[in-house]
């Protein structure tokens, strides 16, 4: 017997979205103040956190009022940029600051859910690095917290704000020039960030690094410098290359094709070479199916002999190749026709400009109360697609998925 009367999660969330519109832009602007400057708290000020914090500061619309980290050395480095910021080693204390309008979250993945929900419940707008979640179950809870509290929540999938991505979608996909899309291919090879080695200064637990708080919701284990410094190599803390890299690219596929609803997923891979204690595979292939319409693939290896990252959308009338530096469109007819190419200007640091544009979109939405380009629901759906790959890899089986009810179906 079908549960036809039960609403889907998508229906529930759209209802919450309508309720959120009651909160007026004018009332929030009074909270910001006459000059519309945002007072920002930063939770997680490691290398990435400090970089994105710098992009916020580069807009000249942000004051960094507080920084938080479990390692005091990271706080010292952040204070070199944000000299007036108050300092914390517990994000809950930072969130008690009434004058903070927004929070940037750049912790390891296993802290994203708890920190984001705490910030949203504290009435802060949130910019959270991708992936939004560590597990597929965490996503709806964060979306609910954003909607119930009427908060702007942007996920750091910066291609959503990329000008040439938006242009390519309009010119080749929305116009129908590409024809019927049957395959989306993605790959990201040779990402050395996943091979980082902890420096000598971290080989013994520093006295000013709170290892217990770093672990947070995870089960106890003794201090391991690699699990701190290179957390993406361990599935307890993150999803390896799949959620770090594929989440970016599957989100581009979702953005370009207007579909975020995979119905099955399967993956294969392993730790084939870098047998250094990591639990995330150094080589992985993921295959997602979207109904009866198209498939999306991802392949990645850390082998240094293979490098490169891109998305390729294959249609019956042409194919679109796109990365952070350019796009190329190859029409199917006439054969051997030269591609239509757009190259991002050299003076723009591609990844850096994408992040700056994404941060600016978030700040615009903090004032207007509009939904941002990488809204929390979008971030949840793209993370969920990636999680299907990791779950299949761990369980060594094909998964069937109901994207409306967001449920993995029983065998």
Protein backbone atom coordinates (compact mmCIF):
# COMPACT_ATOMS: atom_id res chain seq x y z
CA UNK A 1 0.00 0.00 0.00
CA UNK A 2 1.48 3.34 -1.04
CA UNK A 3 1.80 6.21 1.41
CA UNK A 4 0.36 8.68 -1.07
CA UNK A 5 -0.77 11.08 1.67
CA UNK A 6 2.70 11.55 3.09
CA UNK A 7 4.37 14.76 1.86
CA UNK A 8 7.92 14.55 0.57
CA UNK A 9 10.78 16.34 2.29
CA UNK A 10 10.96 18.64 -0.74
CA UNK A 11 7.30 19.67 -0.17
CA UNK A 12 7.90 20.27 3.53
CA UNK A 13 10.96 22.40 2.85
CA UNK A 14 9.21 24.47 0.20
CA UNK A 15 6.50 25.21 2.78
CA UNK A 16 9.13 26.29 5.25
CA UNK A 17 10.60 28.53 2.56
CA UNK A 18 7.29 30.35 2.15
CA UNK A 19 7.14 30.89 5.90
CA UNK A 20 10.65 32.32 5.87
CA UNK A 21 9.56 35.12 3.54
CA UNK A 22 7.65 36.73 6.42
CA UNK A 23 10.94 38.01 7.81
CA UNK A 24 11.42 41.42 6.20
CA UNK A 25 14.62 42.78 4.72
CA UNK A 26 14.08 46.17 6.34
CA UNK A 27 14.02 44.74 9.87
CA UNK A 28 17.27 42.88 9.28
CA UNK A 29 18.94 45.97 7.84
CA UNK A 30 18.20 47.74 11.11
CA UNK A 31 20.10 44.96 12.88
CA UNK A 32 23.06 45.45 10.53
CA UNK A 33 23.14 49.19 11.03
CA UNK A 34 23.06 52.17 8.71
CA UNK A 35 26.27 51.30 6.87
CA UNK A 36 25.24 47.65 6.25
CA UNK A 37 28.58 46.33 7.50
CA UNK A 38 28.52 42.69 8.55
CA UNK A 39 30.20 41.70 11.81
CA UNK A 40 31.57 38.22 11.11
CA UNK A 41 32.63 35.39 13.37
CA UNK A 42 34.96 32.73 11.94
CA UNK A 43 34.85 29.18 13.30
CA UNK A 44 37.83 27.18 12.12
CA UNK A 45 40.74 29.42 11.15
CA UNK A 46 43.10 26.94 9.57
CA UNK A 47 44.57 27.52 6.14
CA UNK A 48 41.24 27.46 4.29
CA UNK A 49 39.36 29.36 6.97
CA UNK A 50 41.90 32.18 6.95
CA UNK A 51 41.83 32.33 3.16
CA UNK A 52 38.04 32.65 2.94
CA UNK A 53 38.08 35.10 5.85
CA UNK A 54 40.45 37.18 3.72
CA UNK A 55 37.94 37.11 0.84
CA UNK A 56 35.25 38.42 3.22
CA UNK A 57 37.56 41.20 4.33
CA UNK A 58 38.45 42.04 0.72
CA UNK A 59 34.85 43.11 0.07
CA UNK A 60 35.34 46.05 2.48
CA UNK A 61 31.88 45.28 3.86
CA UNK A 62 32.93 43.02 6.73
CA UNK A 63 34.45 43.42 10.17
CA UNK A 64 35.79 40.21 11.71
CA UNK A 65 34.60 40.41 15.29
CA UNK A 66 35.63 36.97 16.53
CA UNK A 67 37.68 33.92 15.58
CA UNK A 68 37.57 30.40 17.01
CA UNK A 69 39.79 27.36 16.74
CA UNK A 70 40.87 24.40 18.87
CA UNK A 71 44.55 25.19 18.10
CA UNK A 72 45.87 28.47 19.46
CA UNK A 73 48.56 28.74 16.76
CA UNK A 74 45.83 29.04 14.13
CA UNK A 75 44.17 31.79 16.14
CA UNK A 76 47.47 33.68 16.29
CA UNK A 77 47.75 33.50 12.49
CA UNK A 78 44.15 34.68 12.05
CA UNK A 79 44.76 37.60 14.39
CA UNK A 80 47.47 38.85 12.07
CA UNK A 81 44.66 39.62 9.61
CA UNK A 82 41.80 40.32 12.01
CA UNK A 83 43.60 42.26 14.72
CA UNK A 84 40.47 43.40 16.59
CA UNK A 85 38.80 39.98 16.73
CA UNK A 86 37.96 38.35 20.04
CA UNK A 87 39.28 34.81 20.38
CA UNK A 88 37.61 31.55 21.42
CA UNK A 89 38.36 27.82 21.46
CA UNK A 90 34.68 26.84 21.82
CA UNK A 91 32.29 27.90 19.05
CA UNK A 92 29.35 28.06 21.47
CA UNK A 93 31.00 30.92 23.34
CA UNK A 94 31.57 32.80 20.08
CA UNK A 95 27.90 32.38 19.17
CA UNK A 96 26.87 34.09 22.40
CA UNK A 97 28.16 37.40 20.96
CA UNK A 98 24.98 39.33 20.18
CA UNK A 99 26.67 41.76 17.79
CA UNK A 100 27.76 39.07 15.30
CA UNK A 101 25.52 39.06 12.22
CA UNK A 102 27.06 36.14 10.38
CA UNK A 103 29.42 33.22 10.81
CA UNK A 104 31.92 31.58 8.47
CA UNK A 105 32.40 27.87 9.25
CA UNK A 106 35.59 26.27 7.95
CA UNK A 107 36.07 23.40 10.38
CA UNK A 108 36.75 19.79 9.32
CA UNK A 109 33.63 18.14 7.90
CA UNK A 110 32.68 16.21 11.04
CA UNK A 111 31.97 19.52 12.83
CA UNK A 112 29.93 21.15 10.01
CA UNK A 113 26.50 19.91 11.06
CA UNK A 114 26.72 20.64 14.76
CA UNK A 115 28.38 24.03 14.29
CA UNK A 116 26.02 25.16 11.51
CA UNK A 117 22.88 24.19 13.43
CA UNK A 118 24.17 25.91 16.58
CA UNK A 119 24.91 29.08 14.58
CA UNK A 120 21.53 29.06 12.83
CA UNK A 121 19.72 28.51 16.12
CA UNK A 122 21.70 31.41 17.56
CA UNK A 123 20.22 33.67 14.87
CA UNK A 124 23.34 34.01 12.72
CA UNK A 125 23.48 33.88 8.95
CA UNK A 126 25.93 31.19 7.91
CA UNK A 127 28.52 30.65 5.18
CA UNK A 128 29.74 27.05 5.54
CA UNK A 129 32.46 25.40 3.53
CA UNK A 130 31.52 22.38 1.45
CA UNK A 131 30.62 19.61 1.87
CA UNK A 132 27.70 20.72 4.01
CA UNK A 133 27.56 17.36 5.78
CA UNK A 134 29.61 14.38 6.91
CA UNK A 135 26.65 11.98 6.56
CA UNK A 136 23.59 11.91 4.35
CA UNK A 137 21.28 12.10 7.39
CA UNK A 138 22.64 15.45 8.59
CA UNK A 139 21.41 17.48 5.61
CA UNK A 140 17.68 17.79 6.34
CA UNK A 141 18.44 18.87 9.93
CA UNK A 142 20.60 21.78 8.77
CA UNK A 143 18.06 22.81 6.12
CA UNK A 144 15.34 22.79 8.78
CA UNK A 145 17.43 24.94 11.14
CA UNK A 146 18.00 27.50 8.38
CA UNK A 147 14.35 27.67 7.39
CA UNK A 148 12.86 27.66 10.90
CA UNK A 149 15.21 30.46 11.98
CA UNK A 150 14.81 32.46 8.75
CA UNK A 151 18.53 32.51 8.13
CA UNK A 152 20.60 32.94 4.99
CA UNK A 153 22.85 29.89 4.63
CA UNK A 154 25.37 29.70 1.79
CA UNK A 155 27.44 26.55 1.12
CA UNK A 156 30.91 27.12 -0.31
CA UNK A 157 30.29 25.57 -3.72
CA UNK A 158 31.65 28.64 -5.44
CA UNK A 159 31.01 27.53 -9.03
CA UNK A 160 27.38 28.52 -8.37
CA UNK A 161 28.54 32.14 -8.50
CA UNK A 162 31.01 31.63 -11.36
CA UNK A 163 30.27 33.96 -14.23
CA UNK A 164 31.43 31.62 -16.99
CA UNK A 165 29.48 28.70 -15.49
CA UNK A 166 26.32 30.82 -15.49
CA UNK A 167 27.04 31.97 -19.04
CA UNK A 168 27.66 28.43 -20.34
CA UNK A 169 24.39 27.22 -18.80
CA UNK A 170 22.44 29.98 -20.53
CA UNK A 171 24.12 29.72 -23.93
CA UNK A 172 24.38 25.95 -24.38
CA UNK A 173 22.05 24.18 -21.93
CA UNK A 174 19.03 26.43 -21.40
CA UNK A 175 18.93 27.31 -25.12
CA UNK A 176 18.73 23.63 -26.05
CA UNK A 177 21.82 23.82 -28.28
CA UNK A 178 23.40 20.82 -26.60
CA UNK A 179 20.37 18.64 -27.35
CA UNK A 180 19.30 15.79 -25.09
CA UNK A 181 21.93 15.22 -22.40
CA UNK A 182 22.65 11.56 -21.69
CA UNK A 183 25.99 11.66 -19.88
CA UNK A 184 27.82 13.97 -17.49
CA UNK A 185 31.49 13.05 -16.92
CA UNK A 186 33.55 14.56 -14.10
CA UNK A 187 37.10 13.94 -12.93
CA UNK A 188 39.65 15.41 -10.53
CA UNK A 189 43.10 13.82 -10.57
CA UNK A 190 46.33 14.44 -8.68
CA UNK A 191 44.96 16.65 -5.88
CA UNK A 192 48.03 16.86 -3.65
CA UNK A 193 46.11 18.33 -0.74
CA UNK A 194 45.04 14.80 0.18
CA UNK A 195 48.70 13.75 0.52
CA UNK A 196 49.77 16.37 3.05
CA UNK A 197 52.22 15.31 5.74
CA UNK A 198 52.05 16.77 9.24
CA UNK A 199 55.07 18.98 10.02
CA UNK A 200 57.55 18.25 12.79
CA UNK A 201 55.82 20.76 15.08
CA UNK A 202 52.75 18.51 15.21
CA UNK A 203 54.41 15.12 15.72
CA UNK A 204 53.72 15.44 19.46
CA UNK A 205 50.47 16.92 20.72
CA UNK A 206 50.99 20.68 21.19
CA UNK A 207 49.96 21.92 24.62
CA UNK A 208 47.66 24.53 23.03
CA UNK A 209 45.79 22.09 20.73
CA UNK A 210 42.59 20.70 22.26
CA UNK A 211 42.55 17.19 20.78
CA UNK A 212 39.42 16.12 22.69
CA UNK A 213 37.44 19.03 21.28
CA UNK A 214 38.85 18.39 17.80
CA UNK A 215 37.39 14.88 17.95
CA UNK A 216 34.05 16.27 19.12
CA UNK A 217 31.31 13.79 18.18
CA UNK A 218 33.76 11.06 17.12
CA UNK A 219 34.78 8.14 19.30
CA UNK A 220 37.98 8.58 21.27
CA UNK A 221 41.36 7.75 19.82
CA UNK A 222 44.82 8.88 20.87
CA UNK A 223 46.32 11.93 19.18
CA UNK A 224 47.41 11.28 15.60
CA UNK A 225 49.16 14.15 13.79
CA UNK A 226 47.98 12.93 10.39
CA UNK A 227 44.35 12.70 11.47
CA UNK A 228 44.58 16.31 12.58
CA UNK A 229 46.62 17.73 9.70
CA UNK A 230 45.29 15.66 6.79
CA UNK A 231 41.77 14.86 7.99
CA UNK A 232 40.41 14.38 4.47
CA UNK A 233 42.32 11.09 4.22
CA UNK A 234 40.12 9.56 6.95
CA UNK A 235 36.45 8.74 6.51
CA UNK A 236 35.68 9.49 10.17
CA UNK A 237 36.38 13.18 9.54
CA UNK A 238 35.39 13.65 5.90
CA UNK A 239 34.51 11.85 2.70
CA UNK A 240 37.88 11.87 1.00
CA UNK A 241 38.05 12.87 -2.64
CA UNK A 242 34.37 12.11 -3.18
CA UNK A 243 32.90 14.75 -0.86
CA UNK A 244 35.84 17.14 -1.15
CA UNK A 245 36.08 17.16 -4.96
CA UNK A 246 33.07 15.41 -6.50
CA UNK A 247 30.71 17.58 -4.44
CA UNK A 248 32.00 20.58 -6.40
CA UNK A 249 31.56 18.87 -9.75
CA UNK A 250 28.25 17.10 -9.14
CA UNK A 251 26.93 20.48 -8.01
CA UNK A 252 28.03 21.94 -11.37
CA UNK A 253 26.10 19.12 -13.08
CA UNK A 254 23.04 19.87 -10.91
CA UNK A 255 23.37 23.57 -11.68
CA UNK A 256 23.78 23.16 -15.44
CA UNK A 257 21.08 20.51 -15.93
CA UNK A 258 18.61 21.65 -13.27
CA UNK A 259 18.48 18.16 -11.74
CA UNK A 260 19.55 17.14 -8.23
CA UNK A 261 17.78 13.79 -7.95
CA UNK A 262 19.98 10.71 -8.47
CA UNK A 263 18.05 7.46 -8.24
CA UNK A 264 20.97 5.04 -7.89
CA UNK A 265 24.65 5.07 -7.08
CA UNK A 266 27.54 2.65 -7.24
CA UNK A 267 31.26 3.08 -6.62
CA UNK A 268 34.49 1.13 -6.65
CA UNK A 269 38.00 1.99 -5.58
CA UNK A 270 40.50 1.49 -2.81
CA UNK A 271 43.74 2.44 -1.13
CA UNK A 272 45.85 1.08 -3.93
CA UNK A 273 49.14 2.88 -3.37
CA UNK A 274 49.25 5.32 -0.42
CA UNK A 275 49.14 2.75 2.36
CA UNK A 276 49.85 5.25 5.13
CA UNK A 277 46.89 4.50 7.40
CA UNK A 278 44.34 6.47 5.39
CA UNK A 279 40.81 5.08 5.19
CA UNK A 280 39.57 7.19 2.27
CA UNK A 281 40.43 5.60 -1.10
CA UNK A 282 43.31 7.05 -3.10
CA UNK A 283 41.52 5.97 -6.29
CA UNK A 284 37.74 6.00 -6.77
CA UNK A 285 35.09 5.77 -9.49
CA UNK A 286 31.48 6.78 -8.87
CA UNK A 287 28.47 6.28 -11.15
CA UNK A 288 25.11 7.93 -10.45
CA UNK A 289 21.93 7.46 -12.46
CA UNK A 290 19.31 10.21 -12.72
CA UNK A 291 16.03 8.43 -13.39
CA UNK A 292 15.94 7.16 -16.92
CA UNK A 293 17.50 10.33 -18.28
CA UNK A 294 21.28 10.45 -17.84
CA UNK A 295 24.21 9.21 -15.80
CA UNK A 296 26.89 11.19 -14.00
CA UNK A 297 30.36 9.79 -13.36
CA UNK A 298 33.31 10.82 -11.23
CA UNK A 299 36.83 9.46 -11.28
CA UNK A 300 39.80 10.49 -9.19
CA UNK A 301 43.23 9.21 -8.30
CA UNK A 302 46.00 10.69 -6.21
CA UNK A 303 48.64 9.14 -8.46
CA UNK A 304 50.95 12.03 -9.39
CA UNK A 305 51.23 10.97 -13.02
CA UNK A 306 47.63 11.96 -13.70
CA UNK A 307 46.43 15.53 -13.22
CA UNK A 308 43.48 17.66 -14.20
CA UNK A 309 39.89 18.38 -13.24
CA UNK A 310 36.83 19.19 -15.33
CA UNK A 311 33.19 18.53 -16.12
CA UNK A 312 31.95 17.35 -19.51
CA UNK A 313 28.27 17.41 -20.45
CA UNK A 314 27.49 15.18 -23.44
CA UNK A 315 24.35 15.82 -25.48
CA UNK A 316 22.91 14.67 -28.79
CA UNK A 317 23.85 17.95 -30.49
CA UNK A 318 27.17 18.70 -28.83
CA UNK A 319 29.26 18.51 -25.70
CA UNK A 320 30.32 21.14 -23.18
CA UNK A 321 33.71 20.91 -21.44
CA UNK A 322 34.14 23.27 -18.47
CA UNK A 323 36.53 23.89 -15.58
CA UNK A 324 37.50 26.86 -13.44
CA UNK A 325 39.53 28.50 -16.21
CA UNK A 326 37.46 28.10 -19.38
CA UNK A 327 34.73 26.32 -21.29
CA UNK A 328 34.66 24.75 -24.74
CA UNK A 329 31.56 23.70 -26.70
CA UNK A 330 31.96 21.12 -29.47
CA UNK A 331 28.91 20.93 -31.78
CA UNK A 332 28.13 17.48 -33.17
CA UNK A 333 27.60 18.98 -36.63
CA UNK A 334 29.46 19.81 -38.72
CA UNK A 335 32.07 17.23 -37.78
CA UNK A 336 35.50 18.60 -36.82
CA UNK A 337 34.10 22.10 -36.35
CA UNK A 338 36.31 24.18 -34.03
CA UNK A 339 34.94 24.57 -30.51
CA UNK A 340 33.36 27.73 -29.18
CA UNK A 341 35.74 28.72 -26.40
CA UNK A 342 35.70 31.19 -23.53
CA UNK A 343 38.80 31.64 -21.36
CA UNK A 344 38.57 33.36 -17.99
CA UNK A 345 40.84 36.45 -18.10
CA UNK A 346 44.35 35.71 -16.87
CA UNK A 347 44.30 38.64 -14.45
CA UNK A 348 41.58 36.89 -12.48
CA UNK A 349 42.84 34.18 -10.15
CA UNK A 350 40.19 31.64 -11.12
CA UNK A 351 39.51 29.85 -7.84
CA UNK A 352 40.06 33.04 -5.85
CA UNK A 353 37.66 35.08 -7.98
CA UNK A 354 35.02 32.35 -7.73
CA UNK A 355 35.27 32.46 -3.94
CA UNK A 356 35.12 36.26 -3.87
CA UNK A 357 32.02 36.29 -6.10
CA UNK A 358 30.39 33.62 -3.91
CA UNK A 359 31.17 35.57 -0.73
CA UNK A 360 29.77 38.74 -2.31
CA UNK A 361 26.57 36.90 -3.22
CA UNK A 362 26.21 35.78 0.40
CA UNK A 363 26.72 39.32 1.71
CA UNK A 364 24.18 40.69 -0.77
CA UNK A 365 21.67 38.14 0.50
CA UNK A 366 22.40 38.99 4.14
CA UNK A 367 21.01 42.44 3.32
CA UNK A 368 18.26 41.50 0.84
CA UNK A 369 17.22 38.26 2.62
CA UNK A 370 17.06 36.51 -0.77
CA UNK A 371 18.20 32.91 -1.16
CA UNK A 372 21.92 32.73 -2.03
CA UNK A 373 23.33 30.98 -5.09
CA UNK A 374 24.58 28.02 -3.02
CA UNK A 375 21.60 27.86 -0.67
CA UNK A 376 21.66 25.28 2.12
CA UNK A 377 19.12 23.04 0.35
CA UNK A 378 21.24 23.04 -2.81
CA UNK A 379 24.30 22.24 -0.73
CA UNK A 380 22.49 19.40 1.00
CA UNK A 381 21.34 17.82 -2.27
CA UNK A 382 24.79 17.92 -3.85
CA UNK A 383 26.43 16.52 -0.71
CA UNK A 384 23.81 13.75 -0.62
CA UNK A 385 24.65 12.77 -4.20
CA UNK A 386 28.32 12.47 -3.22
CA UNK A 387 27.47 10.48 -0.10
CA UNK A 388 25.78 7.86 -2.27
CA UNK A 389 29.18 7.21 -3.81
CA UNK A 390 30.93 6.81 -0.47
CA UNK A 391 28.19 4.64 1.04
CA UNK A 392 28.34 2.36 -1.99
CA UNK A 393 32.14 2.20 -1.70
CA UNK A 394 32.03 1.27 2.00
CA UNK A 395 29.14 -1.19 1.70
CA UNK A 396 30.38 -2.61 -1.62
CA UNK A 397 26.95 -2.60 -3.23
CA UNK A 398 24.75 -0.66 -5.63
CA UNK A 399 22.33 1.69 -3.90
CA UNK A 400 18.82 2.50 -5.05
CA UNK A 401 17.68 5.91 -3.83
CA UNK A 402 14.36 7.73 -3.54
CA UNK A 403 15.37 11.39 -4.07
CA UNK A 404 11.94 12.78 -3.13
CA UNK A 405 11.86 11.10 0.27
CA UNK A 406 15.66 11.17 0.49
CA UNK A 407 15.85 7.51 1.45
CA UNK A 408 18.19 4.70 0.48
CA UNK A 409 15.91 1.84 -0.46
CA UNK A 410 16.31 -1.61 1.10
CA UNK A 411 17.94 -4.39 -0.87
